[in-house]
Amino acid sequence: MYRRAAAVAFTALWWWAAARLLFAPDAGALEGAVTAGGWGLSVLPVHCLPKARADGALAAGRWRQAWRAGRSRGAG
């Protein structure tokens, strides 16, 4: 509940700052910082997981093993 309320509040703050940058001639650094910060947060990959927890994750060193196996077959 609190998480959703915080998200709505930050979204409203971002839209206020963006609207002031577009429409108010006296908009300044505060509105610019809020807008840029909100945009920056929106491009963060927050949906990523550590590789070990991801579905279909490959074992560590898998590419190294495949490379070595390919080299030993091709050398002969």
PDB file of N, CA and C in Angstrom:
ATOM      1  N   MET A   1       0.819  -1.185   0.000  1.00  0.00           N
ATOM      2  CA  MET A   1       0.000   0.000   0.000  1.00  0.00           C
ATOM      3  C   MET A   1       0.873   1.264   0.000  1.00  0.00           C
ATOM      4  N   TYR A   2       1.874   1.290   0.881  1.00  0.00           N
ATOM      5  CA  TYR A   2       2.748   2.460   0.958  1.00  0.00           C
ATOM      6  C   TYR A   2       3.616   2.584  -0.288  1.00  0.00           C
ATOM      7  N   ARG A   3       4.001   1.447  -0.825  1.00  0.00           N
ATOM      8  CA  ARG A   3       4.833   1.446  -2.021  1.00  0.00           C
ATOM      9  C   ARG A   3       4.067   2.058  -3.200  1.00  0.00           C
ATOM     10  N   ARG A   4       2.816   1.686  -3.323  1.00  0.00           N
ATOM     11  CA  ARG A   4       1.985   2.227  -4.406  1.00  0.00           C
ATOM     12  C   ARG A   4       1.742   3.724  -4.214  1.00  0.00           C
ATOM     13  N   ALA A   5       1.492   4.130  -2.982  1.00  0.00           N
ATOM     14  CA  ALA A   5       1.281   5.553  -2.709  1.00  0.00           C
ATOM     15  C   ALA A   5       2.541   6.359  -3.023  1.00  0.00           C
ATOM     16  N   ALA A   6       3.683   5.826  -2.683  1.00  0.00           N
ATOM     17  CA  ALA A   6       4.941   6.513  -2.987  1.00  0.00           C
ATOM     18  C   ALA A   6       5.148   6.597  -4.497  1.00  0.00           C
ATOM     19  N   ALA A   7       4.831   5.535  -5.217  1.00  0.00           N
ATOM     20  CA  ALA A   7       4.982   5.544  -6.674  1.00  0.00           C
ATOM     21  C   ALA A   7       4.063   6.586  -7.307  1.00  0.00           C
ATOM     22  N   VAL A   8       2.832   6.683  -6.826  1.00  0.00           N
ATOM     23  CA  VAL A   8       1.896   7.675  -7.357  1.00  0.00           C
ATOM     24  C   VAL A   8       2.390   9.089  -7.045  1.00  0.00           C
ATOM     25  N   ALA A   9       2.903   9.293  -5.838  1.00  0.00           N
ATOM     26  CA  ALA A   9       3.395  10.613  -5.456  1.00  0.00           C
ATOM     27  C   ALA A   9       4.605  11.023  -6.307  1.00  0.00           C
ATOM     28  N   PHE A  10       5.541  10.110  -6.510  1.00  0.00           N
ATOM     29  CA  PHE A  10       6.708  10.431  -7.331  1.00  0.00           C
ATOM     30  C   PHE A  10       6.331  10.642  -8.788  1.00  0.00           C
ATOM     31  N   THR A  11       5.352   9.892  -9.268  1.00  0.00           N
ATOM     32  CA  THR A  11       4.882  10.084 -10.639  1.00  0.00           C
ATOM     33  C   THR A  11       4.243  11.464 -10.799  1.00  0.00           C
ATOM     34  N   ALA A  12       3.423  11.842  -9.837  1.00  0.00           N
ATOM     35  CA  ALA A  12       2.792  13.165  -9.886  1.00  0.00           C
ATOM     36  C   ALA A  12       3.848  14.268  -9.824  1.00  0.00           C
ATOM     37  N   LEU A  13       4.845  14.092  -8.987  1.00  0.00           N
ATOM     38  CA  LEU A  13       5.929  15.071  -8.904  1.00  0.00           C
ATOM     39  C   LEU A  13       6.664  15.169 -10.229  1.00  0.00           C
ATOM     40  N   TRP A  14       6.942  14.060 -10.878  1.00  0.00           N
ATOM     41  CA  TRP A  14       7.634  14.080 -12.159  1.00  0.00           C
ATOM     42  C   TRP A  14       6.801  14.790 -13.216  1.00  0.00           C
ATOM     43  N   TRP A  15       5.511  14.486 -13.290  1.00  0.00           N
ATOM     44  CA  TRP A  15       4.652  15.135 -14.276  1.00  0.00           C
ATOM     45  C   TRP A  15       4.543  16.636 -14.008  1.00  0.00           C
ATOM     46  N   TRP A  16       4.492  17.026 -12.745  1.00  0.00           N
ATOM     47  CA  TRP A  16       4.461  18.453 -12.410  1.00  0.00           C
ATOM     48  C   TRP A  16       5.724  19.140 -12.934  1.00  0.00           C
ATOM     49  N   ALA A  17       6.879  18.515 -12.679  1.00  0.00           N
ATOM     50  CA  ALA A  17       8.140  19.116 -13.107  1.00  0.00           C
ATOM     51  C   ALA A  17       8.229  19.166 -14.635  1.00  0.00           C
ATOM     52  N   ALA A  18       7.809  18.103 -15.295  1.00  0.00           N
ATOM     53  CA  ALA A  18       7.859  18.083 -16.759  1.00  0.00           C
ATOM     54  C   ALA A  18       6.927  19.133 -17.355  1.00  0.00           C
ATOM     55  N   ALA A  19       5.734  19.261 -16.796  1.00  0.00           N
ATOM     56  CA  ALA A  19       4.790  20.262 -17.290  1.00  0.00           C
ATOM     57  C   ALA A  19       5.326  21.676 -17.067  1.00  0.00           C
ATOM     58  N   ARG A  20       5.950  21.912 -15.919  1.00  0.00           N
ATOM     59  CA  ARG A  20       6.523  23.245 -15.663  1.00  0.00           C
ATOM     60  C   ARG A  20       7.652  23.549 -16.647  1.00  0.00           C
ATOM     61  N   LEU A  21       8.470  22.546 -16.969  1.00  0.00           N
ATOM     62  CA  LEU A  21       9.536  22.785 -17.946  1.00  0.00           C
ATOM     63  C   LEU A  21       8.971  23.144 -19.312  1.00  0.00           C
ATOM     64  N   LEU A  22       7.871  22.524 -19.669  1.00  0.00           N
ATOM     65  CA  LEU A  22       7.284  22.780 -20.986  1.00  0.00           C
ATOM     66  C   LEU A  22       6.507  24.087 -21.053  1.00  0.00           C
ATOM     67  N   PHE A  23       5.764  24.406 -20.011  1.00  0.00           N
ATOM     68  CA  PHE A  23       4.792  25.491 -20.108  1.00  0.00           C
ATOM     69  C   PHE A  23       5.107  26.741 -19.292  1.00  0.00           C
ATOM     70  N   ALA A  24       5.958  26.643 -18.292  1.00  0.00           N
ATOM     71  CA  ALA A  24       6.233  27.799 -17.440  1.00  0.00           C
ATOM     72  C   ALA A  24       7.552  28.454 -17.859  1.00  0.00           C
ATOM     73  N   PRO A  25       7.521  29.729 -18.164  1.00  0.00           N
ATOM     74  CA  PRO A  25       8.755  30.399 -18.572  1.00  0.00           C
ATOM     75  C   PRO A  25       9.759  30.559 -17.423  1.00  0.00           C
ATOM     76  N   ASP A  26       9.282  30.461 -16.181  1.00  0.00           N
ATOM     77  CA  ASP A  26      10.196  30.640 -15.053  1.00  0.00           C
ATOM     78  C   ASP A  26      10.666  29.323 -14.440  1.00  0.00           C
ATOM     79  N   ALA A  27      10.485  28.212 -15.149  1.00  0.00           N
ATOM     80  CA  ALA A  27      10.959  26.916 -14.639  1.00  0.00           C
ATOM     81  C   ALA A  27      12.478  26.935 -14.575  1.00  0.00           C
ATOM     82  N   GLY A  28      12.998  26.271 -13.559  1.00  0.00           N
ATOM     83  CA  GLY A  28      14.439  26.346 -13.354  1.00  0.00           C
ATOM     84  C   GLY A  28      15.104  25.001 -13.156  1.00  0.00           C
ATOM     85  N   ALA A  29      16.173  25.047 -12.390  1.00  0.00           N
ATOM     86  CA  ALA A  29      17.007  23.873 -12.187  1.00  0.00           C
ATOM     87  C   ALA A  29      16.290  22.773 -11.389  1.00  0.00           C
ATOM     88  N   LEU A  30      15.436  23.145 -10.469  1.00  0.00           N
ATOM     89  CA  LEU A  30      14.719  22.142  -9.676  1.00  0.00           C
ATOM     90  C   LEU A  30      13.851  21.268 -10.571  1.00  0.00           C
ATOM     91  N   GLU A  31      13.078  21.895 -11.433  1.00  0.00           N
ATOM     92  CA  GLU A  31      12.216  21.133 -12.332  1.00  0.00           C
ATOM     93  C   GLU A  31      13.044  20.285 -13.294  1.00  0.00           C
ATOM     94  N   GLY A  32      14.132  20.841 -13.768  1.00  0.00           N
ATOM     95  CA  GLY A  32      15.014  20.092 -14.663  1.00  0.00           C
ATOM     96  C   GLY A  32      15.634  18.892 -13.990  1.00  0.00           C
ATOM     97  N   ALA A  33      16.058  19.071 -12.736  1.00  0.00           N
ATOM     98  CA  ALA A  33      16.670  17.963 -11.999  1.00  0.00           C
ATOM     99  C   ALA A  33      15.656  16.858 -11.715  1.00  0.00           C
ATOM    100  N   VAL A  34      14.443  17.242 -11.325  1.00  0.00           N
ATOM    101  CA  VAL A  34      13.410  16.251 -11.047  1.00  0.00           C
ATOM    102  C   VAL A  34      13.053  15.478 -12.314  1.00  0.00           C
ATOM    103  N   THR A  35      12.910  16.205 -13.426  1.00  0.00           N
ATOM    104  CA  THR A  35      12.560  15.551 -14.685  1.00  0.00           C
ATOM    105  C   THR A  35      13.677  14.634 -15.167  1.00  0.00           C
ATOM    106  N   ALA A  36      14.900  15.107 -15.122  1.00  0.00           N
ATOM    107  CA  ALA A  36      16.027  14.281 -15.564  1.00  0.00           C
ATOM    108  C   ALA A  36      16.214  13.077 -14.649  1.00  0.00           C
ATOM    109  N   GLY A  37      16.045  13.278 -13.354  1.00  0.00           N
ATOM    110  CA  GLY A  37      16.192  12.166 -12.417  1.00  0.00           C
ATOM    111  C   GLY A  37      15.124  11.109 -12.614  1.00  0.00           C
ATOM    112  N   GLY A  38      13.893  11.535 -12.831  1.00  0.00           N
ATOM    113  CA  GLY A  38      12.814  10.579 -13.073  1.00  0.00           C
ATOM    114  C   GLY A  38      13.005   9.823 -14.365  1.00  0.00           C
ATOM    115  N   TRP A  39      13.479  10.505 -15.405  1.00  0.00           N
ATOM    116  CA  TRP A  39      13.742   9.831 -16.669  1.00  0.00           C
ATOM    117  C   TRP A  39      14.885   8.846 -16.495  1.00  0.00           C
ATOM    118  N   GLY A  40      15.917   9.243 -15.764  1.00  0.00           N
ATOM    119  CA  GLY A  40      17.050   8.347 -15.531  1.00  0.00           C
ATOM    120  C   GLY A  40      16.640   7.091 -14.786  1.00  0.00           C
ATOM    121  N   LEU A  41      15.763   7.239 -13.815  1.00  0.00           N
ATOM    122  CA  LEU A  41      15.289   6.065 -13.090  1.00  0.00           C
ATOM    123  C   LEU A  41      14.451   5.155 -13.969  1.00  0.00           C
ATOM    124  N   SER A  42      13.774   5.731 -14.944  1.00  0.00           N
ATOM    125  CA  SER A  42      12.916   4.912 -15.795  1.00  0.00           C
ATOM    126  C   SER A  42      13.710   4.023 -16.733  1.00  0.00           C
ATOM    127  N   VAL A  43      14.952   4.347 -16.992  1.00  0.00           N
ATOM    128  CA  VAL A  43      15.744   3.517 -17.893  1.00  0.00           C
ATOM    129  C   VAL A  43      16.627   2.516 -17.153  1.00  0.00           C
ATOM    130  N   LEU A  44      16.565   2.497 -15.845  1.00  0.00           N
ATOM    131  CA  LEU A  44      17.324   1.504 -15.091  1.00  0.00           C
ATOM    132  C   LEU A  44      16.747   0.113 -15.316  1.00  0.00           C
ATOM    133  N   PRO A  45      17.582  -0.873 -15.439  1.00  0.00           N
ATOM    134  CA  PRO A  45      17.078  -2.237 -15.637  1.00  0.00           C
ATOM    135  C   PRO A  45      16.673  -2.879 -14.307  1.00  0.00           C
ATOM    136  N   VAL A  46      15.611  -2.396 -13.705  1.00  0.00           N
ATOM    137  CA  VAL A  46      15.204  -2.897 -12.392  1.00  0.00           C
ATOM    138  C   VAL A  46      14.590  -4.283 -12.472  1.00  0.00           C
ATOM    139  N   HIS A  47      14.317  -4.767 -13.662  1.00  0.00           N
ATOM    140  CA  HIS A  47      13.723  -6.086 -13.821  1.00  0.00           C
ATOM    141  C   HIS A  47      14.778  -7.180 -13.918  1.00  0.00           C
ATOM    142  N   CYS A  48      16.047  -6.835 -13.883  1.00  0.00           N
ATOM    143  CA  CYS A  48      17.111  -7.823 -14.025  1.00  0.00           C
ATOM    144  C   CYS A  48      17.308  -8.622 -12.743  1.00  0.00           C
ATOM    145  N   LEU A  49      17.746  -9.844 -12.915  1.00  0.00           N
ATOM    146  CA  LEU A  49      18.030 -10.737 -11.800  1.00  0.00           C
ATOM    147  C   LEU A  49      19.495 -11.131 -11.846  1.00  0.00           C
ATOM    148  N   PRO A  50      20.028 -11.570 -10.722  1.00  0.00           N
ATOM    149  CA  PRO A  50      21.362 -12.170 -10.785  1.00  0.00           C
ATOM    150  C   PRO A  50      21.332 -13.377 -11.716  1.00  0.00           C
ATOM    151  N   LYS A  51      22.406 -13.626 -12.408  1.00  0.00           N
ATOM    152  CA  LYS A  51      22.441 -14.685 -13.422  1.00  0.00           C
ATOM    153  C   LYS A  51      22.047 -16.040 -12.859  1.00  0.00           C
ATOM    154  N   ALA A  52      22.414 -16.318 -11.627  1.00  0.00           N
ATOM    155  CA  ALA A  52      22.107 -17.624 -11.040  1.00  0.00           C
ATOM    156  C   ALA A  52      20.604 -17.829 -10.847  1.00  0.00           C
ATOM    157  N   ARG A  53      19.843 -16.753 -10.695  1.00  0.00           N
ATOM    158  CA  ARG A  53      18.397 -16.870 -10.461  1.00  0.00           C
ATOM    159  C   ARG A  53      17.572 -16.771 -11.732  1.00  0.00           C
ATOM    160  N   ALA A  54      18.174 -16.428 -12.848  1.00  0.00           N
ATOM    161  CA  ALA A  54      17.431 -16.239 -14.092  1.00  0.00           C
ATOM    162  C   ALA A  54      17.012 -17.577 -14.681  1.00  0.00           C
ATOM    163  N   ASP A  55      15.852 -17.591 -15.319  1.00  0.00           N
ATOM    164  CA  ASP A  55      15.391 -18.799 -15.997  1.00  0.00           C
ATOM    165  C   ASP A  55      16.317 -19.108 -17.165  1.00  0.00           C
ATOM    166  N   GLY A  56      16.741 -20.350 -17.262  1.00  0.00           N
ATOM    167  CA  GLY A  56      17.610 -20.762 -18.359  1.00  0.00           C
ATOM    168  C   GLY A  56      19.025 -20.242 -18.248  1.00  0.00           C
ATOM    169  N   ALA A  57      19.469 -19.920 -17.046  1.00  0.00           N
ATOM    170  CA  ALA A  57      20.817 -19.379 -16.863  1.00  0.00           C
ATOM    171  C   ALA A  57      21.858 -20.430 -17.219  1.00  0.00           C
ATOM    172  N   LEU A  58      22.924 -19.974 -17.816  1.00  0.00           N
ATOM    173  CA  LEU A  58      24.013 -20.867 -18.182  1.00  0.00           C
ATOM    174  C   LEU A  58      25.014 -20.961 -17.042  1.00  0.00           C
ATOM    175  N   ALA A  59      25.627 -22.091 -16.928  1.00  0.00           N
ATOM    176  CA  ALA A  59      26.615 -22.295 -15.871  1.00  0.00           C
ATOM    177  C   ALA A  59      27.838 -21.423 -16.119  1.00  0.00           C
ATOM    178  N   ALA A  60      28.488 -21.019 -15.045  1.00  0.00           N
ATOM    179  CA  ALA A  60      29.703 -20.219 -15.159  1.00  0.00           C
ATOM    180  C   ALA A  60      30.777 -21.021 -15.878  1.00  0.00           C
ATOM    181  N   GLY A  61      31.482 -20.403 -16.799  1.00  0.00           N
ATOM    182  CA  GLY A  61      32.554 -21.075 -17.521  1.00  0.00           C
ATOM    183  C   GLY A  61      32.088 -21.894 -18.707  1.00  0.00           C
ATOM    184  N   ARG A  62      30.809 -21.864 -19.042  1.00  0.00           N
ATOM    185  CA  ARG A  62      30.300 -22.689 -20.142  1.00  0.00           C
ATOM    186  C   ARG A  62      30.948 -22.311 -21.467  1.00  0.00           C
ATOM    187  N   TRP A  63      31.108 -21.040 -21.744  1.00  0.00           N
ATOM    188  CA  TRP A  63      31.693 -20.618 -23.013  1.00  0.00           C
ATOM    189  C   TRP A  63      33.173 -20.976 -23.075  1.00  0.00           C
ATOM    190  N   ARG A  64      33.848 -20.896 -21.975  1.00  0.00           N
ATOM    191  CA  ARG A  64      35.265 -21.267 -21.941  1.00  0.00           C
ATOM    192  C   ARG A  64      35.433 -22.755 -22.257  1.00  0.00           C
ATOM    193  N   GLN A  65      34.573 -23.589 -21.685  1.00  0.00           N
ATOM    194  CA  GLN A  65      34.638 -25.029 -21.951  1.00  0.00           C
ATOM    195  C   GLN A  65      34.335 -25.332 -23.412  1.00  0.00           C
ATOM    196  N   ALA A  66      33.351 -24.671 -23.968  1.00  0.00           N
ATOM    197  CA  ALA A  66      33.004 -24.895 -25.366  1.00  0.00           C
ATOM    198  C   ALA A  66      34.150 -24.461 -26.286  1.00  0.00           C
ATOM    199  N   TRP A  67      34.791 -23.353 -25.956  1.00  0.00           N
ATOM    200  CA  TRP A  67      35.904 -22.862 -26.759  1.00  0.00           C
ATOM    201  C   TRP A  67      37.058 -23.860 -26.745  1.00  0.00           C
ATOM    202  N   ARG A  68      37.372 -24.353 -25.562  1.00  0.00           N
ATOM    203  CA  ARG A  68      38.467 -25.322 -25.450  1.00  0.00           C
ATOM    204  C   ARG A  68      38.136 -26.614 -26.185  1.00  0.00           C
ATOM    205  N   ALA A  69      36.907 -27.063 -26.079  1.00  0.00           N
ATOM    206  CA  ALA A  69      36.503 -28.293 -26.777  1.00  0.00           C
ATOM    207  C   ALA A  69      36.589 -28.098 -28.282  1.00  0.00           C
ATOM    208  N   GLY A  70      36.197 -26.965 -28.788  1.00  0.00           N
ATOM    209  CA  GLY A  70      36.273 -26.680 -30.215  1.00  0.00           C
ATOM    210  C   GLY A  70      37.710 -26.589 -30.715  1.00  0.00           C
ATOM    211  N   ARG A  71      38.558 -26.018 -29.911  1.00  0.00           N
ATOM    212  CA  ARG A  71      39.968 -25.902 -30.303  1.00  0.00           C
ATOM    213  C   ARG A  71      40.648 -27.256 -30.349  1.00  0.00           C
ATOM    214  N   SER A  72      40.313 -28.135 -29.393  1.00  0.00           N
ATOM    215  CA  SER A  72      40.965 -29.451 -29.366  1.00  0.00           C
ATOM    216  C   SER A  72      40.481 -30.311 -30.534  1.00  0.00           C
ATOM    217  N   ARG A  73      39.249 -30.161 -30.956  1.00  0.00           N
ATOM    218  CA  ARG A  73      38.742 -30.921 -32.103  1.00  0.00           C
ATOM    219  C   ARG A  73      39.329 -30.395 -33.405  1.00  0.00           C
ATOM    220  N   GLY A  74      39.440 -29.085 -33.499  1.00  0.00           N
ATOM    221  CA  GLY A  74      39.920 -28.482 -34.740  1.00  0.00           C
ATOM    222  C   GLY A  74      41.426 -28.614 -34.925  1.00  0.00           C
ATOM    223  N   ALA A  75      42.175 -28.871 -33.865  1.00  0.00           N
ATOM    224  CA  ALA A  75      43.634 -28.929 -33.946  1.00  0.00           C
ATOM    225  C   ALA A  75      44.105 -30.208 -34.623  1.00  0.00           C
ATOM    226  N   GLY A  76      43.302 -31.247 -34.613  1.00  0.00           N
ATOM    227  CA  GLY A  76      43.747 -32.555 -35.102  1.00  0.00           C
ATOM    228  C   GLY A  76      43.613 -32.726 -36.512  1.00  0.00           C
TER     229      GLY A  76
END
